Amino acid sequence: MIDLSNCKPFARGGNRMCFQHPFFPNRCIKTMIPGRIAELRRRATWYKRLAGNSHFDDNLREVTGYKQRALRNSAPDNVVWQHLPRWYGVTATSEGPGAVSELIQDDYGQPAMTLEVYLQNFGLNPRIRGALNRFCVWLRTTGVLTKNLLPHNLVICEKSEHPELYLIDGLGCAAAIPLPEYFEAPRQHYVERRIERMWKRIHWELSGRNIPWKTAEKL
């Protein structure tokens, strides 16, 4: 078991905490926030509670996301890994089960900046627009299925000539009936919808978030 009791998380989301692996500095360990699964169950509708704890555990959903057809049995040099952290499975930690993946870092060895922070500081400049366009081409080419592509779940790696985006959370299919996992036409439609929502979210954040996101998403 990995002891994280003396480690400080470098990031904290709505459901999980992110730690730098104490033995492998280039890896990240994500653990659920204590009590969060029970809280999500209490707040869920009755029919969602029927699915059990697995429906509310982001680590288990990430495992499913990495098992999708586009990534299954992919070679290390496959194009599908151009914008995804490598996956190392789930391990036991002092904070509960931890999902272990590659830690995308900047030139100084620190966790890479999120797209959300970048947009707040530098806006949608040509460099980051180019990175977004390459990311969209990758999604269409590989058919990798994601949930909504939120700026705080994308980080920027600038270790090459051009900045590149990596999806660090939100992998998997959000469709109630997983047709995109098995059929090409629904897959293409699903990916385009995620790209469309990603751009809508970016422009909403740049506009100053003057209206709630749920309202903007429906417009």
C-alpha atoms as a PDB file:
ATOM      1  CA  MET A   1       0.000   0.000   0.000  1.00  0.00           C
ATOM      2  CA  ILE A   2       1.216   3.512  -0.820  1.00  0.00           C
ATOM      3  CA  ASP A   3       1.206   5.864   2.178  1.00  0.00           C
ATOM      4  CA  LEU A   4      -0.075   9.313   1.164  1.00  0.00           C
ATOM      5  CA  SER A   5      -0.820  10.512   4.694  1.00  0.00           C
ATOM      6  CA  ASN A   6       2.135  12.920   4.664  1.00  0.00           C
ATOM      7  CA  CYS A   7       1.633  13.998   1.037  1.00  0.00           C
ATOM      8  CA  LYS A   8      -0.176  17.177   0.063  1.00  0.00           C
ATOM      9  CA  PRO A   9      -2.437  16.983  -3.015  1.00  0.00           C
ATOM     10  CA  PHE A  10      -1.313  19.317  -5.795  1.00  0.00           C
ATOM     11  CA  ALA A  11      -4.877  19.613  -7.065  1.00  0.00           C
ATOM     12  CA  ARG A  12      -8.389  18.965  -5.803  1.00  0.00           C
ATOM     13  CA  GLY A  13     -11.461  18.622  -8.012  1.00  0.00           C
ATOM     14  CA  GLY A  14     -15.108  18.169  -7.209  1.00  0.00           C
ATOM     15  CA  ASN A  15     -14.707  14.473  -6.437  1.00  0.00           C
ATOM     16  CA  ARG A  16     -11.006  13.591  -6.309  1.00  0.00           C
ATOM     17  CA  MET A  17      -7.644  14.668  -4.957  1.00  0.00           C
ATOM     18  CA  CYS A  18      -4.469  14.464  -7.076  1.00  0.00           C
ATOM     19  CA  PHE A  19      -1.122  13.485  -5.560  1.00  0.00           C
ATOM     20  CA  GLN A  20       2.319  13.199  -7.089  1.00  0.00           C
ATOM     21  CA  HIS A  21       3.395   9.567  -6.783  1.00  0.00           C
ATOM     22  CA  PRO A  22       5.954   9.344  -3.929  1.00  0.00           C
ATOM     23  CA  PHE A  23       8.087   6.782  -5.813  1.00  0.00           C
ATOM     24  CA  PHE A  24       7.545   7.816  -9.433  1.00  0.00           C
ATOM     25  CA  PRO A  25       7.544  11.649  -9.755  1.00  0.00           C
ATOM     26  CA  ASN A  26       6.229  11.442 -13.330  1.00  0.00           C
ATOM     27  CA  ARG A  27       3.037   9.719 -12.189  1.00  0.00           C
ATOM     28  CA  CYS A  28      -0.178  11.016 -10.624  1.00  0.00           C
ATOM     29  CA  ILE A  29      -2.400   9.253  -8.078  1.00  0.00           C
ATOM     30  CA  LYS A  30      -6.057  10.272  -7.898  1.00  0.00           C
ATOM     31  CA  THR A  31      -8.119   9.298  -4.865  1.00  0.00           C
ATOM     32  CA  MET A  32     -11.751   9.996  -4.070  1.00  0.00           C
ATOM     33  CA  ILE A  33     -12.371  12.722  -1.489  1.00  0.00           C
ATOM     34  CA  PRO A  34     -13.355  10.989   1.777  1.00  0.00           C
ATOM     35  CA  GLY A  35     -17.126  10.692   2.092  1.00  0.00           C
ATOM     36  CA  ARG A  36     -17.733  11.960  -1.444  1.00  0.00           C
ATOM     37  CA  ILE A  37     -19.256   8.742  -2.808  1.00  0.00           C
ATOM     38  CA  ALA A  38     -21.791   8.608   0.030  1.00  0.00           C
ATOM     39  CA  GLU A  39     -22.611  12.299  -0.498  1.00  0.00           C
ATOM     40  CA  LEU A  40     -23.174  11.802  -4.234  1.00  0.00           C
ATOM     41  CA  ARG A  41     -25.453   8.836  -3.519  1.00  0.00           C
ATOM     42  CA  ARG A  42     -27.548  10.907  -1.109  1.00  0.00           C
ATOM     43  CA  ARG A  43     -27.991  13.679  -3.679  1.00  0.00           C
ATOM     44  CA  ALA A  44     -28.770  11.372  -6.621  1.00  0.00           C
ATOM     45  CA  THR A  45     -32.209  10.466  -7.895  1.00  0.00           C
ATOM     46  CA  TRP A  46     -33.554   7.102  -6.738  1.00  0.00           C
ATOM     47  CA  TYR A  47     -32.982   5.344 -10.066  1.00  0.00           C
ATOM     48  CA  LYS A  48     -29.320   6.397 -10.159  1.00  0.00           C
ATOM     49  CA  ARG A  49     -28.817   4.996  -6.674  1.00  0.00           C
ATOM     50  CA  LEU A  50     -29.809   1.582  -8.025  1.00  0.00           C
ATOM     51  CA  ALA A  51     -26.508   1.468  -9.955  1.00  0.00           C
ATOM     52  CA  GLY A  52     -24.481   1.091  -6.749  1.00  0.00           C
ATOM     53  CA  ASN A  53     -21.311   2.859  -5.661  1.00  0.00           C
ATOM     54  CA  SER A  54     -19.575   2.218  -8.999  1.00  0.00           C
ATOM     55  CA  HIS A  55     -21.786   4.856 -10.601  1.00  0.00           C
ATOM     56  CA  PHE A  56     -20.362   7.516  -8.254  1.00  0.00           C
ATOM     57  CA  ASP A  57     -16.720   6.424  -8.140  1.00  0.00           C
ATOM     58  CA  ASP A  58     -14.647   8.483 -10.597  1.00  0.00           C
ATOM     59  CA  ASN A  59     -11.743   6.043 -10.341  1.00  0.00           C
ATOM     60  CA  LEU A  60     -13.870   3.127 -11.504  1.00  0.00           C
ATOM     61  CA  ARG A  61     -15.300   5.233 -14.317  1.00  0.00           C
ATOM     62  CA  GLU A  62     -11.779   6.159 -15.375  1.00  0.00           C
ATOM     63  CA  VAL A  63     -10.882   2.461 -15.516  1.00  0.00           C
ATOM     64  CA  THR A  64     -13.841   1.969 -17.868  1.00  0.00           C
ATOM     65  CA  GLY A  65     -12.756   4.969 -19.948  1.00  0.00           C
ATOM     66  CA  TYR A  66      -9.300   3.510 -20.515  1.00  0.00           C
ATOM     67  CA  LYS A  67     -10.845   0.175 -21.527  1.00  0.00           C
ATOM     68  CA  GLN A  68     -12.792   1.674 -24.429  1.00  0.00           C
ATOM     69  CA  ARG A  69     -12.336   0.182 -27.896  1.00  0.00           C
ATOM     70  CA  ALA A  70     -10.167   3.022 -29.245  1.00  0.00           C
ATOM     71  CA  LEU A  71      -7.538   2.417 -26.538  1.00  0.00           C
ATOM     72  CA  ARG A  72      -7.794  -1.323 -26.068  1.00  0.00           C
ATOM     73  CA  ASN A  73      -4.513  -3.117 -26.860  1.00  0.00           C
ATOM     74  CA  SER A  74      -2.960   0.058 -28.291  1.00  0.00           C
ATOM     75  CA  ALA A  75       0.806   0.014 -28.785  1.00  0.00           C
ATOM     76  CA  PRO A  76       2.817   2.577 -26.758  1.00  0.00           C
ATOM     77  CA  ASP A  77       3.605   4.552 -29.924  1.00  0.00           C
ATOM     78  CA  ASN A  78       0.014   4.542 -31.178  1.00  0.00           C
ATOM     79  CA  VAL A  79      -1.480   7.915 -32.118  1.00  0.00           C
ATOM     80  CA  VAL A  80      -4.193   7.469 -29.464  1.00  0.00           C
ATOM     81  CA  TRP A  81      -1.643   8.363 -26.778  1.00  0.00           C
ATOM     82  CA  GLN A  82      -0.676  11.713 -28.308  1.00  0.00           C
ATOM     83  CA  HIS A  83      -3.129  13.587 -26.085  1.00  0.00           C
ATOM     84  CA  LEU A  84      -3.689  11.178 -23.191  1.00  0.00           C
ATOM     85  CA  PRO A  85      -1.668  10.373 -20.065  1.00  0.00           C
ATOM     86  CA  ARG A  86      -0.396   6.800 -19.879  1.00  0.00           C
ATOM     87  CA  TRP A  87      -2.450   4.559 -17.631  1.00  0.00           C
ATOM     88  CA  TYR A  88      -0.947   2.416 -14.841  1.00  0.00           C
ATOM     89  CA  GLY A  89      -4.063   1.012 -13.188  1.00  0.00           C
ATOM     90  CA  VAL A  90      -5.517   1.283  -9.680  1.00  0.00           C
ATOM     91  CA  THR A  91      -3.464   0.729  -6.528  1.00  0.00           C
ATOM     92  CA  ALA A  92      -4.160   0.682  -2.787  1.00  0.00           C
ATOM     93  CA  THR A  93      -3.250   3.845  -0.868  1.00  0.00           C
ATOM     94  CA  SER A  94      -3.767   5.167   2.646  1.00  0.00           C
ATOM     95  CA  GLU A  95      -6.470   7.444   1.164  1.00  0.00           C
ATOM     96  CA  GLY A  96      -8.332   4.591  -0.508  1.00  0.00           C
ATOM     97  CA  PRO A  97      -7.992   3.166  -4.031  1.00  0.00           C
ATOM     98  CA  GLY A  98      -5.859   5.389  -6.240  1.00  0.00           C
ATOM     99  CA  ALA A  99      -6.006   5.681 -10.027  1.00  0.00           C
ATOM    100  CA  VAL A 100      -2.426   5.963 -11.302  1.00  0.00           C
ATOM    101  CA  SER A 101      -1.620   7.705 -14.574  1.00  0.00           C
ATOM    102  CA  GLU A 102       1.158   9.716 -16.174  1.00  0.00           C
ATOM    103  CA  LEU A 103       1.651  13.162 -14.640  1.00  0.00           C
ATOM    104  CA  ILE A 104       1.844  15.742 -17.423  1.00  0.00           C
ATOM    105  CA  GLN A 105       4.482  18.260 -16.320  1.00  0.00           C
ATOM    106  CA  ASP A 106       5.884  21.589 -17.433  1.00  0.00           C
ATOM    107  CA  ASP A 107       9.543  22.368 -18.143  1.00  0.00           C
ATOM    108  CA  TYR A 108      10.199  22.776 -14.406  1.00  0.00           C
ATOM    109  CA  GLY A 109       8.795  19.398 -13.375  1.00  0.00           C
ATOM    110  CA  GLN A 110       5.598  20.893 -11.994  1.00  0.00           C
ATOM    111  CA  PRO A 111       2.068  19.741 -12.915  1.00  0.00           C
ATOM    112  CA  ALA A 112       1.165  21.314 -16.252  1.00  0.00           C
ATOM    113  CA  MET A 113      -1.085  24.356 -16.402  1.00  0.00           C
ATOM    114  CA  THR A 114      -4.755  23.720 -17.108  1.00  0.00           C
ATOM    115  CA  LEU A 115      -6.415  25.223 -20.153  1.00  0.00           C
ATOM    116  CA  GLU A 116      -8.770  27.041 -17.783  1.00  0.00           C
ATOM    117  CA  VAL A 117      -5.883  28.904 -16.099  1.00  0.00           C
ATOM    118  CA  TYR A 118      -4.182  29.552 -19.457  1.00  0.00           C
ATOM    119  CA  LEU A 119      -7.318  31.153 -20.916  1.00  0.00           C
ATOM    120  CA  GLN A 120      -7.734  33.338 -17.837  1.00  0.00           C
ATOM    121  CA  ASN A 121      -4.168  34.629 -18.187  1.00  0.00           C
ATOM    122  CA  PHE A 122      -3.508  34.690 -21.933  1.00  0.00           C
ATOM    123  CA  GLY A 123      -6.849  34.308 -23.677  1.00  0.00           C
ATOM    124  CA  LEU A 124      -7.492  32.348 -26.860  1.00  0.00           C
ATOM    125  CA  ASN A 125      -4.277  33.302 -28.660  1.00  0.00           C
ATOM    126  CA  PRO A 126      -3.105  31.699 -31.935  1.00  0.00           C
ATOM    127  CA  ARG A 127      -0.785  29.237 -30.158  1.00  0.00           C
ATOM    128  CA  ILE A 128      -3.490  27.753 -27.982  1.00  0.00           C
ATOM    129  CA  ARG A 129      -6.065  27.878 -30.780  1.00  0.00           C
ATOM    130  CA  GLY A 130      -3.653  25.787 -32.864  1.00  0.00           C
ATOM    131  CA  ALA A 131      -3.321  23.300 -29.976  1.00  0.00           C
ATOM    132  CA  LEU A 132      -7.106  23.078 -29.717  1.00  0.00           C
ATOM    133  CA  ASN A 133      -7.454  22.484 -33.452  1.00  0.00           C
ATOM    134  CA  ARG A 134      -4.852  19.673 -33.338  1.00  0.00           C
ATOM    135  CA  PHE A 135      -6.653  18.152 -30.370  1.00  0.00           C
ATOM    136  CA  CYS A 136      -9.934  18.170 -32.328  1.00  0.00           C
ATOM    137  CA  VAL A 137      -8.260  16.491 -35.311  1.00  0.00           C
ATOM    138  CA  TRP A 138      -6.952  13.816 -32.948  1.00  0.00           C
ATOM    139  CA  LEU A 139     -10.426  13.208 -31.515  1.00  0.00           C
ATOM    140  CA  ARG A 140     -11.922  12.807 -34.978  1.00  0.00           C
ATOM    141  CA  THR A 141      -9.079  10.592 -36.216  1.00  0.00           C
ATOM    142  CA  THR A 142      -8.911   8.214 -33.260  1.00  0.00           C
ATOM    143  CA  GLY A 143     -12.558   8.204 -32.180  1.00  0.00           C
ATOM    144  CA  VAL A 144     -11.522   8.389 -28.528  1.00  0.00           C
ATOM    145  CA  LEU A 145     -14.700   8.876 -26.490  1.00  0.00           C
ATOM    146  CA  THR A 146     -14.815  11.539 -23.812  1.00  0.00           C
ATOM    147  CA  LYS A 147     -17.356  13.163 -21.590  1.00  0.00           C
ATOM    148  CA  ASN A 148     -17.752  16.935 -21.796  1.00  0.00           C
ATOM    149  CA  LEU A 149     -14.347  18.467 -22.558  1.00  0.00           C
ATOM    150  CA  LEU A 150     -13.949  21.016 -19.763  1.00  0.00           C
ATOM    151  CA  PRO A 151     -10.995  23.446 -19.699  1.00  0.00           C
ATOM    152  CA  HIS A 152      -9.996  22.420 -16.184  1.00  0.00           C
ATOM    153  CA  ASN A 153      -9.661  18.802 -17.388  1.00  0.00           C
ATOM    154  CA  LEU A 154      -7.232  19.727 -20.180  1.00  0.00           C
ATOM    155  CA  VAL A 155      -3.601  20.621 -19.484  1.00  0.00           C
ATOM    156  CA  ILE A 156      -0.975  22.203 -21.719  1.00  0.00           C
ATOM    157  CA  CYS A 157       2.373  20.568 -22.398  1.00  0.00           C
ATOM    158  CA  GLU A 158       4.959  22.859 -24.023  1.00  0.00           C
ATOM    159  CA  LYS A 159       7.872  20.435 -24.265  1.00  0.00           C
ATOM    160  CA  SER A 160       7.722  20.301 -28.073  1.00  0.00           C
ATOM    161  CA  GLU A 161       7.797  22.998 -30.758  1.00  0.00           C
ATOM    162  CA  HIS A 162       4.089  23.647 -30.316  1.00  0.00           C
ATOM    163  CA  PRO A 163       1.943  23.453 -27.165  1.00  0.00           C
ATOM    164  CA  GLU A 164      -0.184  20.322 -27.003  1.00  0.00           C
ATOM    165  CA  LEU A 165      -3.274  19.538 -24.949  1.00  0.00           C
ATOM    166  CA  TYR A 166      -3.692  16.454 -22.786  1.00  0.00           C
ATOM    167  CA  LEU A 167      -7.001  15.202 -21.422  1.00  0.00           C
ATOM    168  CA  ILE A 168      -6.382  14.363 -17.752  1.00  0.00           C
ATOM    169  CA  ASP A 169      -9.980  13.650 -16.719  1.00  0.00           C
ATOM    170  CA  GLY A 170     -13.334  12.941 -18.333  1.00  0.00           C
ATOM    171  CA  LEU A 171     -12.395   9.938 -20.461  1.00  0.00           C
ATOM    172  CA  GLY A 172     -15.255   7.625 -21.453  1.00  0.00           C
ATOM    173  CA  CYS A 173     -18.687   7.603 -23.046  1.00  0.00           C
ATOM    174  CA  ALA A 174     -21.476   9.657 -21.471  1.00  0.00           C
ATOM    175  CA  ALA A 175     -24.230   8.301 -23.729  1.00  0.00           C
ATOM    176  CA  ALA A 176     -27.017   6.451 -21.903  1.00  0.00           C
ATOM    177  CA  ILE A 177     -26.937   3.793 -24.633  1.00  0.00           C
ATOM    178  CA  PRO A 178     -23.285   3.239 -25.636  1.00  0.00           C
ATOM    179  CA  LEU A 179     -23.817   3.073 -29.406  1.00  0.00           C
ATOM    180  CA  PRO A 180     -20.711   5.249 -30.067  1.00  0.00           C
ATOM    181  CA  GLU A 181     -18.571   2.488 -28.584  1.00  0.00           C
ATOM    182  CA  TYR A 182     -19.671  -0.020 -31.220  1.00  0.00           C
ATOM    183  CA  PHE A 183     -20.826   1.828 -34.352  1.00  0.00           C
ATOM    184  CA  GLU A 184     -18.952   4.343 -36.502  1.00  0.00           C
ATOM    185  CA  ALA A 185     -21.759   6.786 -37.398  1.00  0.00           C
ATOM    186  CA  PRO A 186     -22.913   7.304 -33.779  1.00  0.00           C
ATOM    187  CA  ARG A 187     -19.242   7.595 -32.783  1.00  0.00           C
ATOM    188  CA  GLN A 188     -18.569  10.395 -35.281  1.00  0.00           C
ATOM    189  CA  HIS A 189     -21.732  12.233 -34.212  1.00  0.00           C
ATOM    190  CA  TYR A 190     -20.832  11.822 -30.530  1.00  0.00           C
ATOM    191  CA  VAL A 191     -17.283  13.174 -31.024  1.00  0.00           C
ATOM    192  CA  GLU A 192     -18.550  16.191 -32.987  1.00  0.00           C
ATOM    193  CA  ARG A 193     -21.021  16.998 -30.235  1.00  0.00           C
ATOM    194  CA  ARG A 194     -18.232  16.908 -27.649  1.00  0.00           C
ATOM    195  CA  ILE A 195     -16.069  19.203 -29.780  1.00  0.00           C
ATOM    196  CA  GLU A 196     -18.967  21.624 -30.254  1.00  0.00           C
ATOM    197  CA  ARG A 197     -19.600  21.734 -26.503  1.00  0.00           C
ATOM    198  CA  MET A 198     -15.895  22.207 -25.803  1.00  0.00           C
ATOM    199  CA  TRP A 199     -15.776  25.364 -27.937  1.00  0.00           C
ATOM    200  CA  LYS A 200     -19.017  26.591 -26.399  1.00  0.00           C
ATOM    201  CA  ARG A 201     -17.553  26.124 -22.938  1.00  0.00           C
ATOM    202  CA  ILE A 202     -14.342  27.947 -23.896  1.00  0.00           C
ATOM    203  CA  HIS A 203     -16.238  30.949 -25.251  1.00  0.00           C
ATOM    204  CA  TRP A 204     -18.471  30.952 -22.173  1.00  0.00           C
ATOM    205  CA  GLU A 205     -15.433  31.096 -19.893  1.00  0.00           C
ATOM    206  CA  LEU A 206     -13.851  33.863 -21.971  1.00  0.00           C
ATOM    207  CA  SER A 207     -17.090  35.869 -21.856  1.00  0.00           C
ATOM    208  CA  GLY A 208     -16.824  36.203 -18.082  1.00  0.00           C
ATOM    209  CA  ARG A 209     -19.382  33.520 -17.202  1.00  0.00           C
ATOM    210  CA  ASN A 210     -22.175  36.090 -17.193  1.00  0.00           C
ATOM    211  CA  ILE A 211     -24.831  33.393 -17.232  1.00  0.00           C
ATOM    212  CA  PRO A 212     -24.800  29.919 -15.614  1.00  0.00           C
ATOM    213  CA  TRP A 213     -23.075  27.266 -17.705  1.00  0.00           C
ATOM    214  CA  LYS A 214     -26.163  25.026 -17.790  1.00  0.00           C
ATOM    215  CA  THR A 215     -28.083  27.921 -19.352  1.00  0.00           C
ATOM    216  CA  ALA A 216     -25.331  28.650 -21.884  1.00  0.00           C
ATOM    217  CA  GLU A 217     -25.078  24.965 -22.784  1.00  0.00           C
ATOM    218  CA  LYS A 218     -28.756  24.839 -23.733  1.00  0.00           C
ATOM    219  CA  LEU A 219     -28.701  27.970 -25.905  1.00  0.00           C
END
